[in-house]
N, C-alpha and C. Protein backbone atom coordinates (compact mmCIF):
# COMPACT_ATOMS: atom_id res chain seq x y z
N UNK A 1 35.83 19.61 -19.29
CA UNK A 1 34.39 19.43 -19.33
C UNK A 1 33.68 20.47 -18.50
N UNK A 2 34.16 20.75 -17.31
CA UNK A 2 33.50 21.74 -16.48
C UNK A 2 32.57 21.12 -15.46
N UNK A 3 31.93 21.98 -14.72
CA UNK A 3 31.00 21.56 -13.68
C UNK A 3 29.60 21.94 -14.10
N UNK A 4 28.66 21.01 -13.92
CA UNK A 4 27.27 21.27 -14.25
C UNK A 4 26.50 21.55 -12.97
N UNK A 5 25.72 22.61 -12.98
CA UNK A 5 24.91 22.95 -11.81
C UNK A 5 23.48 23.20 -12.26
N UNK A 6 22.53 22.52 -11.60
CA UNK A 6 21.12 22.69 -11.93
C UNK A 6 20.66 24.09 -11.56
N UNK A 7 19.78 24.65 -12.37
CA UNK A 7 19.15 25.92 -12.03
C UNK A 7 17.70 25.71 -11.60
N UNK A 8 17.21 24.49 -11.79
CA UNK A 8 15.86 24.13 -11.38
C UNK A 8 15.91 22.75 -10.74
N UNK A 9 14.86 22.41 -10.00
CA UNK A 9 14.81 21.09 -9.36
C UNK A 9 14.65 20.02 -10.43
N UNK A 10 15.57 19.07 -10.52
CA UNK A 10 15.49 18.02 -11.54
C UNK A 10 14.61 16.86 -11.08
N UNK A 11 13.32 16.91 -11.39
CA UNK A 11 12.44 15.81 -11.01
C UNK A 11 12.80 14.58 -11.82
N UNK A 12 12.59 13.44 -11.25
CA UNK A 12 13.01 12.20 -11.85
C UNK A 12 14.18 11.62 -11.07
N UNK A 13 14.91 12.47 -10.38
CA UNK A 13 15.98 12.00 -9.50
C UNK A 13 15.34 11.51 -8.21
N UNK A 14 15.81 10.40 -7.69
CA UNK A 14 15.18 9.69 -6.57
C UNK A 14 14.78 10.59 -5.40
N UNK A 15 15.65 11.44 -4.91
CA UNK A 15 15.37 12.24 -3.71
C UNK A 15 14.86 13.64 -4.01
N UNK A 16 14.60 13.96 -5.26
CA UNK A 16 14.17 15.31 -5.62
C UNK A 16 12.88 15.73 -4.90
N UNK A 17 11.82 14.91 -4.88
CA UNK A 17 10.60 15.35 -4.18
C UNK A 17 10.83 15.63 -2.70
N UNK A 18 11.60 14.78 -2.02
CA UNK A 18 11.87 15.00 -0.59
C UNK A 18 12.68 16.27 -0.38
N UNK A 19 13.66 16.49 -1.24
CA UNK A 19 14.48 17.70 -1.13
C UNK A 19 13.63 18.95 -1.39
N UNK A 20 12.77 18.89 -2.40
CA UNK A 20 11.91 20.02 -2.72
C UNK A 20 10.95 20.31 -1.56
N UNK A 21 10.37 19.25 -0.98
CA UNK A 21 9.46 19.42 0.16
C UNK A 21 10.19 20.08 1.32
N UNK A 22 11.40 19.63 1.61
CA UNK A 22 12.20 20.21 2.69
C UNK A 22 12.50 21.68 2.42
N UNK A 23 12.82 22.00 1.16
CA UNK A 23 13.10 23.39 0.79
C UNK A 23 11.86 24.27 1.00
N UNK A 24 10.69 23.77 0.58
CA UNK A 24 9.45 24.54 0.75
C UNK A 24 9.16 24.75 2.24
N UNK A 25 9.37 23.73 3.04
CA UNK A 25 9.13 23.87 4.49
C UNK A 25 10.12 24.84 5.12
N UNK A 26 11.34 24.87 4.64
CA UNK A 26 12.33 25.81 5.16
C UNK A 26 11.92 27.24 4.83
N UNK A 27 11.52 27.48 3.58
CA UNK A 27 11.13 28.82 3.15
C UNK A 27 9.87 29.29 3.88
N UNK A 28 8.90 28.39 4.05
CA UNK A 28 7.57 28.77 4.57
C UNK A 28 7.31 28.27 5.99
N UNK A 29 8.36 28.03 6.74
CA UNK A 29 8.23 27.47 8.09
C UNK A 29 7.31 28.30 8.99
N UNK A 30 7.50 29.61 9.03
CA UNK A 30 6.67 30.46 9.90
C UNK A 30 5.21 30.39 9.50
N UNK A 31 4.95 30.39 8.20
CA UNK A 31 3.58 30.37 7.71
C UNK A 31 2.90 29.04 8.03
N UNK A 32 3.63 27.95 7.86
CA UNK A 32 3.08 26.62 8.17
C UNK A 32 2.77 26.53 9.66
N UNK A 33 3.70 26.99 10.49
CA UNK A 33 3.49 26.96 11.94
C UNK A 33 2.37 27.91 12.36
N UNK A 34 2.07 28.91 11.53
CA UNK A 34 0.97 29.84 11.82
C UNK A 34 -0.39 29.17 11.75
N UNK A 35 -0.45 27.98 11.16
CA UNK A 35 -1.69 27.21 11.13
C UNK A 35 -2.67 27.62 10.06
N UNK A 36 -2.23 28.33 9.03
CA UNK A 36 -3.15 28.74 7.97
C UNK A 36 -2.67 28.31 6.59
N UNK A 37 -1.74 27.36 6.57
CA UNK A 37 -1.22 26.92 5.28
C UNK A 37 -0.74 25.48 5.37
N UNK A 38 -0.94 24.76 4.27
CA UNK A 38 -0.44 23.39 4.12
C UNK A 38 0.38 23.36 2.84
N UNK A 39 1.53 22.71 2.89
CA UNK A 39 2.39 22.60 1.71
C UNK A 39 2.66 21.13 1.44
N UNK A 40 2.40 20.69 0.22
CA UNK A 40 2.77 19.35 -0.21
C UNK A 40 3.49 19.48 -1.54
N UNK A 41 4.78 19.34 -1.49
CA UNK A 41 5.69 19.50 -2.62
C UNK A 41 5.46 20.86 -3.25
N UNK A 42 4.80 20.94 -4.42
CA UNK A 42 4.60 22.25 -5.05
C UNK A 42 3.15 22.73 -4.95
N UNK A 43 2.36 22.08 -4.11
CA UNK A 43 0.99 22.53 -3.86
C UNK A 43 0.94 23.27 -2.54
N UNK A 44 0.44 24.49 -2.58
CA UNK A 44 0.31 25.31 -1.37
C UNK A 44 -1.16 25.63 -1.18
N UNK A 45 -1.69 25.28 -0.02
CA UNK A 45 -3.08 25.59 0.31
C UNK A 45 -3.07 26.60 1.44
N UNK A 46 -3.66 27.75 1.17
CA UNK A 46 -3.78 28.81 2.17
C UNK A 46 -5.26 28.91 2.52
N UNK A 47 -5.58 28.86 3.80
CA UNK A 47 -6.97 28.96 4.21
C UNK A 47 -7.11 30.01 5.30
N UNK A 48 -8.27 30.65 5.33
CA UNK A 48 -8.50 31.74 6.28
C UNK A 48 -9.98 31.88 6.56
N UNK A 49 -10.28 32.64 7.61
CA UNK A 49 -11.68 32.87 7.96
C UNK A 49 -12.25 34.08 7.24
N UNK A 50 -11.40 35.04 6.87
CA UNK A 50 -11.89 36.25 6.20
C UNK A 50 -11.12 36.48 4.91
N UNK A 51 -11.75 37.20 4.00
CA UNK A 51 -11.10 37.55 2.73
C UNK A 51 -9.86 38.41 2.98
N UNK A 52 -9.94 39.33 3.93
CA UNK A 52 -8.81 40.21 4.24
C UNK A 52 -7.61 39.40 4.71
N UNK A 53 -7.85 38.43 5.60
CA UNK A 53 -6.76 37.56 6.05
C UNK A 53 -6.18 36.76 4.88
N UNK A 54 -7.06 36.29 4.01
CA UNK A 54 -6.63 35.48 2.87
C UNK A 54 -5.68 36.27 1.97
N UNK A 55 -6.06 37.48 1.65
CA UNK A 55 -5.21 38.34 0.81
C UNK A 55 -3.88 38.60 1.51
N UNK A 56 -3.92 38.88 2.79
CA UNK A 56 -2.69 39.13 3.56
C UNK A 56 -1.78 37.90 3.54
N UNK A 57 -2.35 36.71 3.70
CA UNK A 57 -1.56 35.48 3.70
C UNK A 57 -0.93 35.24 2.32
N UNK A 58 -1.70 35.46 1.27
CA UNK A 58 -1.16 35.28 -0.09
C UNK A 58 0.00 36.24 -0.32
N UNK A 59 -0.18 37.50 0.06
CA UNK A 59 0.89 38.49 -0.10
C UNK A 59 2.14 38.07 0.68
N UNK A 60 1.93 37.55 1.86
CA UNK A 60 3.06 37.13 2.70
C UNK A 60 3.85 35.98 2.05
N UNK A 61 3.13 35.01 1.49
CA UNK A 61 3.79 33.88 0.83
C UNK A 61 4.51 34.35 -0.43
N UNK A 62 3.85 35.17 -1.23
CA UNK A 62 4.48 35.66 -2.46
C UNK A 62 5.72 36.49 -2.15
N UNK A 63 5.69 37.24 -1.06
CA UNK A 63 6.86 38.05 -0.69
C UNK A 63 8.05 37.17 -0.29
N UNK A 64 7.78 35.96 0.20
CA UNK A 64 8.86 35.03 0.52
C UNK A 64 9.52 34.49 -0.75
N UNK A 65 8.72 34.29 -1.80
CA UNK A 65 9.23 33.71 -3.04
C UNK A 65 9.96 34.72 -3.92
N UNK A 66 9.55 35.98 -3.89
CA UNK A 66 10.11 36.98 -4.80
C UNK A 66 11.63 37.08 -4.75
N UNK A 67 12.26 37.26 -3.58
CA UNK A 67 13.72 37.38 -3.58
C UNK A 67 14.45 36.08 -3.94
N UNK A 68 13.74 34.95 -3.86
CA UNK A 68 14.36 33.66 -4.16
C UNK A 68 14.20 33.25 -5.62
N UNK A 69 13.53 34.09 -6.38
CA UNK A 69 13.25 33.85 -7.80
C UNK A 69 12.51 32.51 -7.99
N UNK A 70 11.56 32.24 -7.12
CA UNK A 70 10.70 31.07 -7.26
C UNK A 70 9.60 31.44 -8.24
N UNK A 71 9.45 30.63 -9.28
CA UNK A 71 8.44 30.91 -10.30
C UNK A 71 7.12 30.25 -9.92
N UNK A 72 6.04 30.99 -10.13
CA UNK A 72 4.70 30.49 -9.83
C UNK A 72 3.91 30.50 -11.13
N UNK A 73 3.27 29.38 -11.43
CA UNK A 73 2.45 29.28 -12.63
C UNK A 73 1.04 29.75 -12.29
N UNK A 74 0.71 30.98 -12.66
CA UNK A 74 -0.59 31.56 -12.30
C UNK A 74 -1.76 30.79 -12.90
N UNK A 75 -1.56 30.16 -14.06
CA UNK A 75 -2.68 29.41 -14.65
C UNK A 75 -3.00 28.13 -13.86
N UNK A 76 -2.14 27.74 -12.92
CA UNK A 76 -2.40 26.59 -12.06
C UNK A 76 -2.89 27.02 -10.68
N UNK A 77 -3.02 28.33 -10.45
CA UNK A 77 -3.44 28.85 -9.14
C UNK A 77 -4.95 29.04 -9.09
N UNK A 78 -5.52 28.82 -7.94
CA UNK A 78 -6.93 29.10 -7.67
C UNK A 78 -6.98 29.94 -6.40
N UNK A 79 -7.34 31.20 -6.54
CA UNK A 79 -7.37 32.10 -5.39
C UNK A 79 -8.80 32.29 -4.90
N UNK A 80 -8.96 32.40 -3.58
CA UNK A 80 -10.24 32.75 -2.99
C UNK A 80 -11.34 31.73 -3.19
N UNK A 81 -11.00 30.46 -3.25
CA UNK A 81 -12.01 29.41 -3.45
C UNK A 81 -12.67 29.06 -2.12
N UNK A 82 -14.01 28.94 -2.08
CA UNK A 82 -14.67 28.56 -0.83
C UNK A 82 -14.43 27.10 -0.47
N UNK A 83 -14.06 26.27 -1.47
CA UNK A 83 -13.82 24.86 -1.25
C UNK A 83 -12.90 24.36 -2.35
N UNK A 84 -12.05 23.38 -2.04
CA UNK A 84 -11.19 22.81 -3.07
C UNK A 84 -10.92 21.36 -2.77
N UNK A 85 -10.54 20.64 -3.81
CA UNK A 85 -10.15 19.25 -3.64
C UNK A 85 -8.66 19.19 -3.90
N UNK A 86 -7.93 18.75 -2.89
CA UNK A 86 -6.48 18.68 -2.99
C UNK A 86 -6.02 17.32 -2.48
N UNK A 87 -5.39 16.55 -3.33
CA UNK A 87 -4.88 15.24 -2.94
C UNK A 87 -5.98 14.34 -2.39
N UNK A 88 -7.20 14.50 -2.86
CA UNK A 88 -8.28 13.61 -2.45
C UNK A 88 -9.31 14.25 -1.55
N UNK A 89 -8.93 14.72 -0.34
CA UNK A 89 -9.98 15.26 0.53
C UNK A 89 -10.47 16.62 0.07
N UNK A 90 -11.73 16.88 0.32
CA UNK A 90 -12.32 18.18 0.04
C UNK A 90 -12.04 19.08 1.24
N UNK A 91 -11.75 20.34 0.98
CA UNK A 91 -11.40 21.27 2.05
C UNK A 91 -12.41 22.42 2.04
N UNK A 92 -13.61 22.23 2.62
CA UNK A 92 -14.57 23.33 2.67
C UNK A 92 -14.31 24.20 3.88
N UNK A 93 -14.21 25.49 3.68
CA UNK A 93 -13.94 26.40 4.79
C UNK A 93 -12.64 26.06 5.46
N UNK A 94 -12.68 25.72 6.73
CA UNK A 94 -11.46 25.43 7.48
C UNK A 94 -11.34 23.96 7.89
N UNK A 95 -12.14 23.07 7.29
CA UNK A 95 -12.08 21.68 7.71
C UNK A 95 -11.85 20.75 6.52
N UNK A 96 -11.39 19.56 6.82
CA UNK A 96 -11.21 18.54 5.79
C UNK A 96 -12.44 17.66 5.75
N UNK A 97 -12.85 17.28 4.56
CA UNK A 97 -13.98 16.37 4.40
C UNK A 97 -13.65 15.40 3.28
N UNK A 98 -14.27 14.24 3.31
CA UNK A 98 -14.05 13.25 2.26
C UNK A 98 -14.68 13.75 0.97
N UNK A 99 -13.96 13.59 -0.12
CA UNK A 99 -14.48 13.93 -1.45
C UNK A 99 -15.72 13.06 -1.69
N UNK A 100 -16.87 13.68 -1.88
CA UNK A 100 -18.12 12.94 -2.03
C UNK A 100 -18.13 12.01 -3.24
N UNK A 101 -17.29 12.27 -4.23
CA UNK A 101 -17.19 11.38 -5.39
C UNK A 101 -16.53 10.05 -5.03
N UNK A 102 -15.83 10.00 -3.89
CA UNK A 102 -15.13 8.78 -3.49
C UNK A 102 -15.93 7.94 -2.49
N UNK A 103 -17.01 8.48 -1.96
CA UNK A 103 -17.80 7.76 -0.96
C UNK A 103 -18.33 6.43 -1.50
N UNK A 104 -18.89 6.37 -2.72
CA UNK A 104 -19.39 5.06 -3.21
C UNK A 104 -18.30 3.98 -3.24
N UNK A 105 -17.08 4.33 -3.60
CA UNK A 105 -15.99 3.35 -3.63
C UNK A 105 -15.69 2.82 -2.23
N UNK A 106 -15.80 3.70 -1.24
CA UNK A 106 -15.56 3.28 0.15
C UNK A 106 -16.67 2.35 0.60
N UNK A 107 -17.92 2.71 0.31
CA UNK A 107 -19.06 1.91 0.76
C UNK A 107 -19.15 0.57 0.04
N UNK A 108 -18.64 0.48 -1.19
CA UNK A 108 -18.73 -0.75 -1.97
C UNK A 108 -17.51 -1.65 -1.82
N UNK A 109 -16.62 -1.30 -0.91
CA UNK A 109 -15.43 -2.12 -0.68
C UNK A 109 -15.89 -3.50 -0.19
N UNK A 110 -15.41 -4.59 -0.81
CA UNK A 110 -15.87 -5.92 -0.39
C UNK A 110 -15.40 -6.29 1.02
N UNK A 111 -16.16 -7.15 1.66
CA UNK A 111 -15.82 -7.63 3.00
C UNK A 111 -14.57 -8.51 2.88
N UNK A 112 -13.56 -8.27 3.70
CA UNK A 112 -12.33 -9.09 3.64
C UNK A 112 -12.61 -10.56 3.96
N UNK A 113 -12.01 -11.46 3.17
CA UNK A 113 -12.24 -12.89 3.37
C UNK A 113 -10.96 -13.64 3.75
N UNK A 114 -9.84 -12.93 3.82
CA UNK A 114 -8.58 -13.56 4.20
C UNK A 114 -7.74 -12.54 4.97
N UNK A 115 -6.64 -13.01 5.56
CA UNK A 115 -5.74 -12.10 6.29
C UNK A 115 -5.18 -11.06 5.33
N UNK A 116 -4.82 -11.51 4.13
CA UNK A 116 -4.29 -10.58 3.12
C UNK A 116 -5.33 -9.51 2.78
N UNK A 117 -6.59 -9.93 2.60
CA UNK A 117 -7.68 -8.98 2.31
C UNK A 117 -7.86 -8.00 3.47
N UNK A 118 -7.76 -8.51 4.71
CA UNK A 118 -7.93 -7.66 5.89
C UNK A 118 -6.83 -6.61 5.96
N UNK A 119 -5.59 -7.02 5.71
CA UNK A 119 -4.48 -6.07 5.73
C UNK A 119 -4.66 -5.01 4.65
N UNK A 120 -5.13 -5.43 3.49
CA UNK A 120 -5.38 -4.50 2.40
C UNK A 120 -6.48 -3.51 2.79
N UNK A 121 -7.56 -4.03 3.39
CA UNK A 121 -8.66 -3.17 3.82
C UNK A 121 -8.20 -2.17 4.88
N UNK A 122 -7.41 -2.63 5.85
CA UNK A 122 -6.93 -1.73 6.91
C UNK A 122 -6.03 -0.64 6.34
N UNK A 123 -5.21 -0.98 5.36
CA UNK A 123 -4.39 0.03 4.69
C UNK A 123 -5.25 1.05 3.98
N UNK A 124 -6.30 0.57 3.32
CA UNK A 124 -7.25 1.46 2.64
C UNK A 124 -7.95 2.36 3.65
N UNK A 125 -8.43 1.77 4.74
CA UNK A 125 -9.17 2.52 5.76
C UNK A 125 -8.30 3.55 6.46
N UNK A 126 -7.02 3.23 6.63
CA UNK A 126 -6.10 4.16 7.31
C UNK A 126 -6.06 5.52 6.63
N UNK A 127 -6.23 5.54 5.32
CA UNK A 127 -6.23 6.80 4.58
C UNK A 127 -7.34 7.73 5.09
N UNK A 128 -8.46 7.16 5.55
CA UNK A 128 -9.61 7.95 5.99
C UNK A 128 -9.69 8.09 7.51
N UNK A 129 -8.65 7.70 8.24
CA UNK A 129 -8.69 7.69 9.71
C UNK A 129 -8.99 9.05 10.33
N UNK A 130 -8.59 10.14 9.66
CA UNK A 130 -8.85 11.48 10.21
C UNK A 130 -10.35 11.77 10.27
N UNK A 131 -11.12 11.06 9.47
CA UNK A 131 -12.56 11.31 9.39
C UNK A 131 -13.38 10.32 10.22
N UNK A 132 -12.69 9.38 10.87
CA UNK A 132 -13.39 8.34 11.63
C UNK A 132 -13.03 8.47 13.11
N UNK A 133 -14.01 8.89 13.89
CA UNK A 133 -13.78 9.06 15.32
C UNK A 133 -13.45 7.70 15.94
N UNK A 134 -12.49 7.66 16.82
CA UNK A 134 -12.00 6.47 17.51
C UNK A 134 -11.56 5.37 16.54
N UNK A 135 -10.92 5.77 15.45
CA UNK A 135 -10.46 4.82 14.43
C UNK A 135 -9.58 3.72 15.04
N UNK A 136 -8.63 4.11 15.89
CA UNK A 136 -7.71 3.13 16.48
C UNK A 136 -8.48 2.10 17.31
N UNK A 137 -9.45 2.56 18.07
CA UNK A 137 -10.24 1.64 18.89
C UNK A 137 -11.07 0.69 18.01
N UNK A 138 -11.69 1.24 16.99
CA UNK A 138 -12.54 0.45 16.09
C UNK A 138 -11.72 -0.63 15.38
N UNK A 139 -10.53 -0.29 14.95
CA UNK A 139 -9.74 -1.22 14.14
C UNK A 139 -8.79 -2.10 14.95
N UNK A 140 -8.65 -1.86 16.24
CA UNK A 140 -7.67 -2.62 17.03
C UNK A 140 -7.91 -4.13 16.96
N UNK A 141 -9.15 -4.57 17.06
CA UNK A 141 -9.42 -6.01 17.00
C UNK A 141 -9.17 -6.56 15.59
N UNK A 142 -9.39 -5.74 14.57
CA UNK A 142 -9.11 -6.18 13.19
C UNK A 142 -7.62 -6.37 12.98
N UNK A 143 -6.82 -5.47 13.58
CA UNK A 143 -5.36 -5.62 13.49
C UNK A 143 -4.91 -6.89 14.20
N UNK A 144 -5.52 -7.19 15.36
CA UNK A 144 -5.16 -8.41 16.08
C UNK A 144 -5.49 -9.65 15.25
N UNK A 145 -6.65 -9.63 14.59
CA UNK A 145 -7.05 -10.76 13.75
C UNK A 145 -6.12 -10.96 12.56
N UNK A 146 -5.59 -9.87 12.05
CA UNK A 146 -4.77 -9.96 10.84
C UNK A 146 -3.28 -10.15 11.11
N UNK A 147 -2.89 -10.14 12.39
CA UNK A 147 -1.46 -10.30 12.71
C UNK A 147 -1.13 -11.77 12.94
N UNK A 148 0.11 -12.10 12.63
CA UNK A 148 0.58 -13.47 12.88
C UNK A 148 1.12 -13.51 14.30
N UNK A 149 0.61 -14.41 15.12
CA UNK A 149 1.03 -14.50 16.53
C UNK A 149 2.40 -14.98 16.66
């Protein structure tokens, strides 16, 4: 029969996303630690203060992929965007902001009426904790109310 060896990442296998994420972090470790790039599985976000830096960063990332024969789908790439929406939050300039299309859903969330509702609400709110100053302090009493003593 012989031995079968994958030439591409076989998605659908349980640990494939985690393995792919680890591989991307291994390849791009220096760039991620440089503080100008975020990688989530096959999505790479490069951000910079100047166009010159942006071009330099893109060239640096592409040069890492070339010898490894990593294929990039150019029709899925967006270069030089002043703002983008990736995995929900909007990324204008160098900061994260809540996608304005999602604000009404957040504001219209019903008031929790049970412990189960409170836990659900806290899980929902946790997603936005980066945008809420003193989130832990604000929610600490809600966590106490929703916990079983």
